[in-house]
Amino acid sequence: MLKETAEYIEIHSLREECPACGSLLADSLQSRPIQPGINLTVPKFQTADTLLKFRFDIPKIDSFLGLATTDLCCVTGLEANLILTRLCVRALLPERHGGLDSPFVFVADTGNRTDVYQAISFARQYGMDKESVADRILVIRAFTVPQVRKLLAVELPKIIQNYQIKSVIIPGLLNTIDEETSMRAKEAKKEIGKIMKAINEISKRVLVVTSIQDGKYAKLVLPAFKKRIHFSNRKHDRLTVELYNQGQRKSVSLTERELMIIPKR
């Protein structure tokens, strides 16, 4: 091969002679089209399950509902805060143990529902150092609607970046609005829209899990959460739990022990 080119060469117009035998180059030169080898890169496919990096460590829930590292989930009903506390501790676990390996977890407590003692109880069950866990759970409380809006829209993005947070827990998302009795419905809906916009933006960066208690605006926002857990009825020591996952629905029954006790490995 003398030359590889995409340009057209008129071979018969070449007049160079071979220095050894005197033959014309045009008599022996051949032109052939380039046939490049086909090199197809097979895309690397991922199943949906591989994207679900974080689970509740409750088998009946995990078999139907998992959370991605950037996701949004809402828990409602009787034991909502218990689930949030459990997830708060689990996010601190290394990935090999089913956690997010998050240096810190941030709790934007908009409902004054942080349960430090329960967090320590879960930490002990996972064999974690209780003082280390307490130091790695960052809590900021917001008591008014403007404080909630500023915390979620302005302060939280900076906190996520500065502390390399991978999970945000928001207990009582609408509590401040429900408690603001003087706020008109139109203004309340406007504020809720701003709050939902803020947490949707946050969920594009990290995992966000929030709780909403029964209130006059709960039904307004619940459809916006594609992943939900609702604790409905309690009978003796069992609770009925409604699970929602991307339009699918499933009902399971859980005991209080299953919520409080970490399963042994």
C-alpha atoms as a PDB file:
ATOM      1  CA  MET A   1       0.000   0.000   0.000  1.00  0.00           C
ATOM      2  CA  LEU A   2       1.406   3.321  -1.120  1.00  0.00           C
ATOM      3  CA  LYS A   3      -1.315   5.674  -0.045  1.00  0.00           C
ATOM      4  CA  GLU A   4      -4.719   5.658   1.625  1.00  0.00           C
ATOM      5  CA  THR A   5      -6.908   8.607   0.714  1.00  0.00           C
ATOM      6  CA  ALA A   6     -10.481   9.657   0.127  1.00  0.00           C
ATOM      7  CA  GLU A   7      -9.418  11.762  -2.861  1.00  0.00           C
ATOM      8  CA  TYR A   8      -9.827  10.543  -6.449  1.00  0.00           C
ATOM      9  CA  ILE A   9      -6.533   9.737  -8.255  1.00  0.00           C
ATOM     10  CA  GLU A  10      -6.371   9.351 -12.059  1.00  0.00           C
ATOM     11  CA  ILE A  11      -3.945   6.432 -12.312  1.00  0.00           C
ATOM     12  CA  HIS A  12      -3.515   6.496 -16.100  1.00  0.00           C
ATOM     13  CA  SER A  13      -2.260  10.057 -15.959  1.00  0.00           C
ATOM     14  CA  LEU A  14       0.727   9.027 -13.795  1.00  0.00           C
ATOM     15  CA  ARG A  15       4.019   8.978 -15.778  1.00  0.00           C
ATOM     16  CA  GLU A  16       6.520   7.920 -13.125  1.00  0.00           C
ATOM     17  CA  GLU A  17       8.852   5.036 -14.115  1.00  0.00           C
ATOM     18  CA  CYS A  18      10.265   2.332 -11.936  1.00  0.00           C
ATOM     19  CA  PRO A  19      13.954   3.191 -11.374  1.00  0.00           C
ATOM     20  CA  ALA A  20      14.918  -0.520 -11.601  1.00  0.00           C
ATOM     21  CA  CYS A  21      13.072  -1.801 -14.688  1.00  0.00           C
ATOM     22  CA  GLY A  22      11.665   1.320 -16.293  1.00  0.00           C
ATOM     23  CA  SER A  23       8.017   0.170 -16.197  1.00  0.00           C
ATOM     24  CA  LEU A  24       5.387   2.842 -15.863  1.00  0.00           C
ATOM     25  CA  LEU A  25       3.769   3.139 -12.467  1.00  0.00           C
ATOM     26  CA  ALA A  26       0.366   3.439 -14.143  1.00  0.00           C
ATOM     27  CA  ASP A  27       0.727  -0.091 -15.596  1.00  0.00           C
ATOM     28  CA  SER A  28       1.093  -1.825 -12.222  1.00  0.00           C
ATOM     29  CA  LEU A  29      -0.749   0.467  -9.814  1.00  0.00           C
ATOM     30  CA  GLN A  30      -4.197  -0.569  -8.676  1.00  0.00           C
ATOM     31  CA  SER A  31      -6.886   1.465  -6.945  1.00  0.00           C
ATOM     32  CA  ARG A  32      -9.191  -0.255  -4.499  1.00  0.00           C
ATOM     33  CA  PRO A  33     -12.012   1.136  -2.393  1.00  0.00           C
ATOM     34  CA  ILE A  34     -11.381   1.302   1.336  1.00  0.00           C
ATOM     35  CA  GLN A  35     -13.358  -1.312   3.279  1.00  0.00           C
ATOM     36  CA  PRO A  36     -13.067  -0.273   6.896  1.00  0.00           C
ATOM     37  CA  GLY A  37     -13.741  -2.927   9.505  1.00  0.00           C
ATOM     38  CA  ILE A  38     -17.061  -2.457  11.242  1.00  0.00           C
ATOM     39  CA  ASN A  39     -16.413  -1.700  14.877  1.00  0.00           C
ATOM     40  CA  LEU A  40     -19.681  -1.580  16.722  1.00  0.00           C
ATOM     41  CA  THR A  41     -19.555  -0.646  20.362  1.00  0.00           C
ATOM     42  CA  VAL A  42     -22.221  -2.581  22.186  1.00  0.00           C
ATOM     43  CA  PRO A  43     -23.930  -0.264  24.684  1.00  0.00           C
ATOM     44  CA  LYS A  44     -23.733  -1.254  28.305  1.00  0.00           C
ATOM     45  CA  PHE A  45     -27.258  -1.905  29.460  1.00  0.00           C
ATOM     46  CA  GLN A  46     -28.420  -1.604  33.028  1.00  0.00           C
ATOM     47  CA  THR A  47     -31.495  -3.224  34.417  1.00  0.00           C
ATOM     48  CA  ALA A  48     -33.812  -1.098  36.507  1.00  0.00           C
ATOM     49  CA  ASP A  49     -32.865  -3.100  39.571  1.00  0.00           C
ATOM     50  CA  THR A  50     -29.192  -2.135  39.319  1.00  0.00           C
ATOM     51  CA  LEU A  51     -30.171   1.515  39.662  1.00  0.00           C
ATOM     52  CA  LEU A  52     -31.941   0.863  42.950  1.00  0.00           C
ATOM     53  CA  LYS A  53     -29.023   1.267  45.301  1.00  0.00           C
ATOM     54  CA  PHE A  54     -30.921   1.850  48.533  1.00  0.00           C
ATOM     55  CA  ARG A  55     -33.471  -0.282  50.307  1.00  0.00           C
ATOM     56  CA  PHE A  56     -35.448  -0.097  53.509  1.00  0.00           C
ATOM     57  CA  ASP A  57     -34.092  -3.354  54.958  1.00  0.00           C
ATOM     58  CA  ILE A  58     -37.705  -4.488  55.364  1.00  0.00           C
ATOM     59  CA  PRO A  59     -38.139  -7.461  52.990  1.00  0.00           C
ATOM     60  CA  LYS A  60     -41.874  -6.989  52.358  1.00  0.00           C
ATOM     61  CA  ILE A  61     -41.230  -3.410  51.239  1.00  0.00           C
ATOM     62  CA  ASP A  62     -37.959  -4.072  49.429  1.00  0.00           C
ATOM     63  CA  SER A  63     -39.528  -6.750  47.229  1.00  0.00           C
ATOM     64  CA  PHE A  64     -41.729  -4.072  45.669  1.00  0.00           C
ATOM     65  CA  LEU A  65     -40.145  -0.689  46.290  1.00  0.00           C
ATOM     66  CA  GLY A  66     -36.513   0.367  46.054  1.00  0.00           C
ATOM     67  CA  LEU A  67     -34.875   3.779  45.946  1.00  0.00           C
ATOM     68  CA  ALA A  68     -32.243   5.108  43.579  1.00  0.00           C
ATOM     69  CA  THR A  69     -29.368   7.305  44.691  1.00  0.00           C
ATOM     70  CA  THR A  70     -31.238  10.273  43.225  1.00  0.00           C
ATOM     71  CA  ASP A  71     -34.896   9.778  44.003  1.00  0.00           C
ATOM     72  CA  LEU A  72     -37.961  11.143  45.789  1.00  0.00           C
ATOM     73  CA  CYS A  73     -40.186   9.209  48.176  1.00  0.00           C
ATOM     74  CA  CYS A  74     -42.970  10.158  50.571  1.00  0.00           C
ATOM     75  CA  VAL A  75     -44.088   8.270  53.689  1.00  0.00           C
ATOM     76  CA  THR A  76     -47.455   8.942  55.294  1.00  0.00           C
ATOM     77  CA  GLY A  77     -49.496   7.601  58.160  1.00  0.00           C
ATOM     78  CA  LEU A  78     -48.925   6.201  61.633  1.00  0.00           C
ATOM     79  CA  GLU A  79     -45.273   5.152  61.490  1.00  0.00           C
ATOM     80  CA  ALA A  80     -43.948   7.607  58.913  1.00  0.00           C
ATOM     81  CA  ASN A  81     -41.392   9.172  61.229  1.00  0.00           C
ATOM     82  CA  LEU A  82     -40.096   5.758  62.301  1.00  0.00           C
ATOM     83  CA  ILE A  83     -39.331   4.824  58.687  1.00  0.00           C
ATOM     84  CA  LEU A  84     -37.587   8.162  58.097  1.00  0.00           C
ATOM     85  CA  THR A  85     -35.428   7.640  61.182  1.00  0.00           C
ATOM     86  CA  ARG A  86     -34.527   4.138  60.013  1.00  0.00           C
ATOM     87  CA  LEU A  87     -33.542   5.394  56.541  1.00  0.00           C
ATOM     88  CA  CYS A  88     -31.561   8.211  58.112  1.00  0.00           C
ATOM     89  CA  VAL A  89     -29.288   5.706  59.864  1.00  0.00           C
ATOM     90  CA  ARG A  90     -29.123   3.299  56.902  1.00  0.00           C
ATOM     91  CA  ALA A  91     -27.843   6.047  54.603  1.00  0.00           C
ATOM     92  CA  LEU A  92     -24.712   6.264  56.758  1.00  0.00           C
ATOM     93  CA  LEU A  93     -23.881   2.583  56.238  1.00  0.00           C
ATOM     94  CA  PRO A  94     -21.214   1.573  53.669  1.00  0.00           C
ATOM     95  CA  GLU A  95     -22.541   0.491  50.273  1.00  0.00           C
ATOM     96  CA  ARG A  96     -21.433  -3.102  50.881  1.00  0.00           C
ATOM     97  CA  HIS A  97     -23.893  -3.192  53.792  1.00  0.00           C
ATOM     98  CA  GLY A  98     -26.753  -1.690  51.790  1.00  0.00           C
ATOM     99  CA  GLY A  99     -26.208   1.959  52.683  1.00  0.00           C
ATOM    100  CA  LEU A 100     -25.290   5.039  50.681  1.00  0.00           C
ATOM    101  CA  ASP A 101     -21.911   5.515  52.379  1.00  0.00           C
ATOM    102  CA  SER A 102     -22.937   9.121  52.981  1.00  0.00           C
ATOM    103  CA  PRO A 103     -20.485  11.108  55.130  1.00  0.00           C
ATOM    104  CA  PHE A 104     -23.464  12.950  56.612  1.00  0.00           C
ATOM    105  CA  VAL A 105     -27.244  12.804  56.419  1.00  0.00           C
ATOM    106  CA  PHE A 106     -29.174  16.027  56.530  1.00  0.00           C
ATOM    107  CA  VAL A 107     -32.522  16.307  58.301  1.00  0.00           C
ATOM    108  CA  ALA A 108     -34.561  19.344  57.294  1.00  0.00           C
ATOM    109  CA  ASP A 109     -36.963  19.100  60.204  1.00  0.00           C
ATOM    110  CA  THR A 110     -39.999  21.070  59.113  1.00  0.00           C
ATOM    111  CA  GLY A 111     -42.290  19.271  61.545  1.00  0.00           C
ATOM    112  CA  ASN A 112     -40.192  19.170  64.728  1.00  0.00           C
ATOM    113  CA  ARG A 113     -40.215  15.366  64.620  1.00  0.00           C
ATOM    114  CA  THR A 114     -36.542  14.383  64.849  1.00  0.00           C
ATOM    115  CA  ASP A 115     -36.188  11.306  67.067  1.00  0.00           C
ATOM    116  CA  VAL A 116     -32.547  11.103  68.156  1.00  0.00           C
ATOM    117  CA  TYR A 117     -33.119   8.245  70.616  1.00  0.00           C
ATOM    118  CA  GLN A 118     -34.702   6.042  67.960  1.00  0.00           C
ATOM    119  CA  ALA A 119     -31.820   6.818  65.587  1.00  0.00           C
ATOM    120  CA  ILE A 120     -29.363   5.649  68.258  1.00  0.00           C
ATOM    121  CA  SER A 121     -31.416   2.461  68.734  1.00  0.00           C
ATOM    122  CA  PHE A 122     -31.154   1.629  65.021  1.00  0.00           C
ATOM    123  CA  ALA A 123     -27.448   2.496  65.021  1.00  0.00           C
ATOM    124  CA  ARG A 124     -26.810   0.003  67.835  1.00  0.00           C
ATOM    125  CA  GLN A 125     -28.688  -2.716  65.951  1.00  0.00           C
ATOM    126  CA  TYR A 126     -26.477  -2.127  62.914  1.00  0.00           C
ATOM    127  CA  GLY A 127     -23.376  -2.315  65.122  1.00  0.00           C
ATOM    128  CA  MET A 128     -22.511   1.345  64.518  1.00  0.00           C
ATOM    129  CA  ASP A 129     -20.850   3.672  66.976  1.00  0.00           C
ATOM    130  CA  LYS A 130     -23.643   5.753  68.466  1.00  0.00           C
ATOM    131  CA  GLU A 131     -21.506   8.873  68.939  1.00  0.00           C
ATOM    132  CA  SER A 132     -20.293   8.737  65.352  1.00  0.00           C
ATOM    133  CA  VAL A 133     -23.863   8.362  64.089  1.00  0.00           C
ATOM    134  CA  ALA A 134     -25.061  11.280  66.218  1.00  0.00           C
ATOM    135  CA  ASP A 135     -22.251  13.470  64.847  1.00  0.00           C
ATOM    136  CA  ARG A 136     -23.054  12.573  61.243  1.00  0.00           C
ATOM    137  CA  ILE A 137     -26.770  13.421  61.378  1.00  0.00           C
ATOM    138  CA  LEU A 138     -27.124  17.138  60.731  1.00  0.00           C
ATOM    139  CA  VAL A 139     -30.431  18.678  61.808  1.00  0.00           C
ATOM    140  CA  ILE A 140     -31.851  22.110  61.061  1.00  0.00           C
ATOM    141  CA  ARG A 141     -35.361  22.946  62.229  1.00  0.00           C
ATOM    142  CA  ALA A 142     -37.674  25.352  60.433  1.00  0.00           C
ATOM    143  CA  PHE A 143     -40.736  26.666  62.249  1.00  0.00           C
ATOM    144  CA  THR A 144     -42.347  29.047  59.737  1.00  0.00           C
ATOM    145  CA  VAL A 145     -43.272  28.829  56.068  1.00  0.00           C
ATOM    146  CA  PRO A 146     -40.602  31.385  54.977  1.00  0.00           C
ATOM    147  CA  GLN A 147     -37.982  29.464  56.965  1.00  0.00           C
ATOM    148  CA  VAL A 148     -38.956  26.199  55.254  1.00  0.00           C
ATOM    149  CA  ARG A 149     -38.853  27.782  51.818  1.00  0.00           C
ATOM    150  CA  LYS A 150     -35.447  29.374  52.432  1.00  0.00           C
ATOM    151  CA  LEU A 151     -34.020  26.189  53.943  1.00  0.00           C
ATOM    152  CA  LEU A 152     -35.054  23.986  51.024  1.00  0.00           C
ATOM    153  CA  ALA A 153     -34.447  26.382  48.142  1.00  0.00           C
ATOM    154  CA  VAL A 154     -31.406  28.387  49.292  1.00  0.00           C
ATOM    155  CA  GLU A 155     -29.529  26.792  52.178  1.00  0.00           C
ATOM    156  CA  LEU A 156     -29.907  23.084  51.437  1.00  0.00           C
ATOM    157  CA  PRO A 157     -28.147  23.042  48.021  1.00  0.00           C
ATOM    158  CA  LYS A 158     -25.093  24.660  49.663  1.00  0.00           C
ATOM    159  CA  ILE A 159     -25.173  22.199  52.575  1.00  0.00           C
ATOM    160  CA  ILE A 160     -25.312  19.233  50.172  1.00  0.00           C
ATOM    161  CA  GLN A 161     -22.248  20.487  48.352  1.00  0.00           C
ATOM    162  CA  ASN A 162     -20.223  21.467  51.431  1.00  0.00           C
ATOM    163  CA  TYR A 163     -20.849  18.233  53.355  1.00  0.00           C
ATOM    164  CA  GLN A 164     -21.060  15.812  50.388  1.00  0.00           C
ATOM    165  CA  ILE A 165     -24.475  14.669  51.575  1.00  0.00           C
ATOM    166  CA  LYS A 166     -26.156  11.823  49.683  1.00  0.00           C
ATOM    167  CA  SER A 167     -29.497  11.738  51.496  1.00  0.00           C
ATOM    168  CA  VAL A 168     -31.926  14.369  52.763  1.00  0.00           C
ATOM    169  CA  ILE A 169     -34.723  13.520  55.195  1.00  0.00           C
ATOM    170  CA  ILE A 170     -37.641  15.959  55.555  1.00  0.00           C
ATOM    171  CA  PRO A 171     -40.098  15.082  58.349  1.00  0.00           C
ATOM    172  CA  GLY A 172     -43.457  16.876  58.250  1.00  0.00           C
ATOM    173  CA  LEU A 173     -43.108  18.596  54.884  1.00  0.00           C
ATOM    174  CA  LEU A 174     -46.395  20.523  55.104  1.00  0.00           C
ATOM    175  CA  ASN A 175     -46.651  20.969  58.865  1.00  0.00           C
ATOM    176  CA  THR A 176     -45.816  24.670  58.924  1.00  0.00           C
ATOM    177  CA  ILE A 177     -48.426  25.381  56.252  1.00  0.00           C
ATOM    178  CA  ASP A 178     -51.095  23.314  58.015  1.00  0.00           C
ATOM    179  CA  GLU A 179     -50.383  25.175  61.247  1.00  0.00           C
ATOM    180  CA  GLU A 180     -50.569  28.614  59.615  1.00  0.00           C
ATOM    181  CA  THR A 181     -54.315  29.041  60.170  1.00  0.00           C
ATOM    182  CA  SER A 182     -54.363  32.626  58.926  1.00  0.00           C
ATOM    183  CA  MET A 183     -52.986  31.684  55.511  1.00  0.00           C
ATOM    184  CA  ARG A 184     -55.532  31.661  52.719  1.00  0.00           C
ATOM    185  CA  ALA A 185     -55.873  28.602  50.506  1.00  0.00           C
ATOM    186  CA  LYS A 186     -54.615  30.418  47.405  1.00  0.00           C
ATOM    187  CA  GLU A 187     -51.472  31.603  49.181  1.00  0.00           C
ATOM    188  CA  ALA A 188     -50.946  28.169  50.750  1.00  0.00           C
ATOM    189  CA  LYS A 189     -51.078  26.463  47.349  1.00  0.00           C
ATOM    190  CA  LYS A 190     -48.575  28.971  46.006  1.00  0.00           C
ATOM    191  CA  GLU A 191     -46.177  28.252  48.873  1.00  0.00           C
ATOM    192  CA  ILE A 192     -46.639  24.494  48.426  1.00  0.00           C
ATOM    193  CA  GLY A 193     -45.746  24.881  44.758  1.00  0.00           C
ATOM    194  CA  LYS A 194     -42.473  26.572  45.701  1.00  0.00           C
ATOM    195  CA  ILE A 195     -41.662  23.901  48.283  1.00  0.00           C
ATOM    196  CA  MET A 196     -42.379  21.056  45.849  1.00  0.00           C
ATOM    197  CA  LYS A 197     -40.250  22.710  43.181  1.00  0.00           C
ATOM    198  CA  ALA A 198     -37.368  22.941  45.654  1.00  0.00           C
ATOM    199  CA  ILE A 199     -37.475  19.276  46.734  1.00  0.00           C
ATOM    200  CA  ASN A 200     -37.837  18.098  43.147  1.00  0.00           C
ATOM    201  CA  GLU A 201     -34.648  19.977  42.276  1.00  0.00           C
ATOM    202  CA  ILE A 202     -32.876  18.492  45.294  1.00  0.00           C
ATOM    203  CA  SER A 203     -33.982  14.959  44.345  1.00  0.00           C
ATOM    204  CA  LYS A 204     -32.086  15.332  41.065  1.00  0.00           C
ATOM    205  CA  ARG A 205     -28.878  15.479  43.106  1.00  0.00           C
ATOM    206  CA  VAL A 206     -29.506  13.220  46.121  1.00  0.00           C
ATOM    207  CA  LEU A 207     -32.071  10.870  47.626  1.00  0.00           C
ATOM    208  CA  VAL A 208     -34.922  12.761  49.289  1.00  0.00           C
ATOM    209  CA  VAL A 209     -37.385  11.063  51.632  1.00  0.00           C
ATOM    210  CA  THR A 210     -40.126  13.105  53.259  1.00  0.00           C
ATOM    211  CA  SER A 211     -43.196  12.543  55.391  1.00  0.00           C
ATOM    212  CA  ILE A 212     -46.582  14.232  55.181  1.00  0.00           C
ATOM    213  CA  GLN A 213     -49.139  14.010  57.951  1.00  0.00           C
ATOM    214  CA  ASP A 214     -52.876  14.157  57.357  1.00  0.00           C
ATOM    215  CA  GLY A 215     -53.914  17.729  56.659  1.00  0.00           C
ATOM    216  CA  LYS A 216     -56.058  19.788  54.345  1.00  0.00           C
ATOM    217  CA  TYR A 217     -53.307  20.038  51.703  1.00  0.00           C
ATOM    218  CA  ALA A 218     -51.946  16.484  51.805  1.00  0.00           C
ATOM    219  CA  LYS A 219     -54.122  15.186  48.967  1.00  0.00           C
ATOM    220  CA  LEU A 220     -52.983  18.124  46.855  1.00  0.00           C
ATOM    221  CA  VAL A 221     -49.340  17.005  46.754  1.00  0.00           C
ATOM    222  CA  LEU A 222     -49.372  13.226  47.238  1.00  0.00           C
ATOM    223  CA  PRO A 223     -49.966  12.423  43.530  1.00  0.00           C
ATOM    224  CA  ALA A 224     -46.679  14.211  42.761  1.00  0.00           C
ATOM    225  CA  PHE A 225     -44.778  11.442  44.571  1.00  0.00           C
ATOM    226  CA  LYS A 226     -44.358   8.407  42.310  1.00  0.00           C
ATOM    227  CA  LYS A 227     -42.984   6.384  45.214  1.00  0.00           C
ATOM    228  CA  ARG A 228     -44.992   6.334  48.429  1.00  0.00           C
ATOM    229  CA  ILE A 229     -45.577   4.327  51.577  1.00  0.00           C
ATOM    230  CA  HIS A 230     -48.788   4.767  53.529  1.00  0.00           C
ATOM    231  CA  PHE A 231     -49.473   3.194  56.912  1.00  0.00           C
ATOM    232  CA  SER A 232     -53.238   2.939  57.116  1.00  0.00           C
ATOM    233  CA  ASN A 233     -54.833   0.574  59.628  1.00  0.00           C
ATOM    234  CA  ARG A 234     -53.514  -0.869  62.871  1.00  0.00           C
ATOM    235  CA  LYS A 235     -55.019  -4.070  64.225  1.00  0.00           C
ATOM    236  CA  HIS A 236     -53.450  -5.497  67.351  1.00  0.00           C
ATOM    237  CA  ASP A 237     -49.726  -5.445  66.570  1.00  0.00           C
ATOM    238  CA  ARG A 238     -50.069  -5.421  62.765  1.00  0.00           C
ATOM    239  CA  LEU A 239     -50.273  -2.521  60.353  1.00  0.00           C
ATOM    240  CA  THR A 240     -51.629  -2.388  56.820  1.00  0.00           C
ATOM    241  CA  VAL A 241     -49.139  -0.721  54.497  1.00  0.00           C
ATOM    242  CA  GLU A 242     -50.010   0.571  51.031  1.00  0.00           C
ATOM    243  CA  LEU A 243     -47.037   0.743  48.658  1.00  0.00           C
ATOM    244  CA  TYR A 244     -46.988   2.864  45.496  1.00  0.00           C
ATOM    245  CA  ASN A 245     -44.264   2.536  42.891  1.00  0.00           C
ATOM    246  CA  GLN A 246     -44.425   4.297  39.532  1.00  0.00           C
ATOM    247  CA  GLY A 247     -48.171   3.747  39.116  1.00  0.00           C
ATOM    248  CA  GLN A 248     -48.222   0.246  40.600  1.00  0.00           C
ATOM    249  CA  ARG A 249     -49.759  -0.526  43.966  1.00  0.00           C
ATOM    250  CA  LYS A 250     -49.388  -3.267  46.529  1.00  0.00           C
ATOM    251  CA  SER A 251     -50.725  -3.858  50.041  1.00  0.00           C
ATOM    252  CA  VAL A 252     -48.684  -5.653  52.709  1.00  0.00           C
ATOM    253  CA  SER A 253     -49.036  -6.337  56.405  1.00  0.00           C
ATOM    254  CA  LEU A 254     -46.219  -5.544  58.821  1.00  0.00           C
ATOM    255  CA  THR A 255     -45.769  -6.103  62.526  1.00  0.00           C
ATOM    256  CA  GLU A 256     -44.358  -3.410  64.774  1.00  0.00           C
ATOM    257  CA  ARG A 257     -41.374  -5.673  65.351  1.00  0.00           C
ATOM    258  CA  GLU A 258     -40.556  -5.673  61.638  1.00  0.00           C
ATOM    259  CA  LEU A 259     -40.412  -1.879  61.751  1.00  0.00           C
ATOM    260  CA  MET A 260     -38.411  -1.625  64.949  1.00  0.00           C
ATOM    261  CA  ILE A 261     -36.003  -4.555  64.693  1.00  0.00           C
ATOM    262  CA  ILE A 262     -33.280  -4.870  62.065  1.00  0.00           C
ATOM    263  CA  PRO A 263     -33.257  -8.384  60.531  1.00  0.00           C
ATOM    264  CA  LYS A 264     -30.193 -10.494  61.324  1.00  0.00           C
ATOM    265  CA  ARG A 265     -27.791 -11.339  58.522  1.00  0.00           C
END
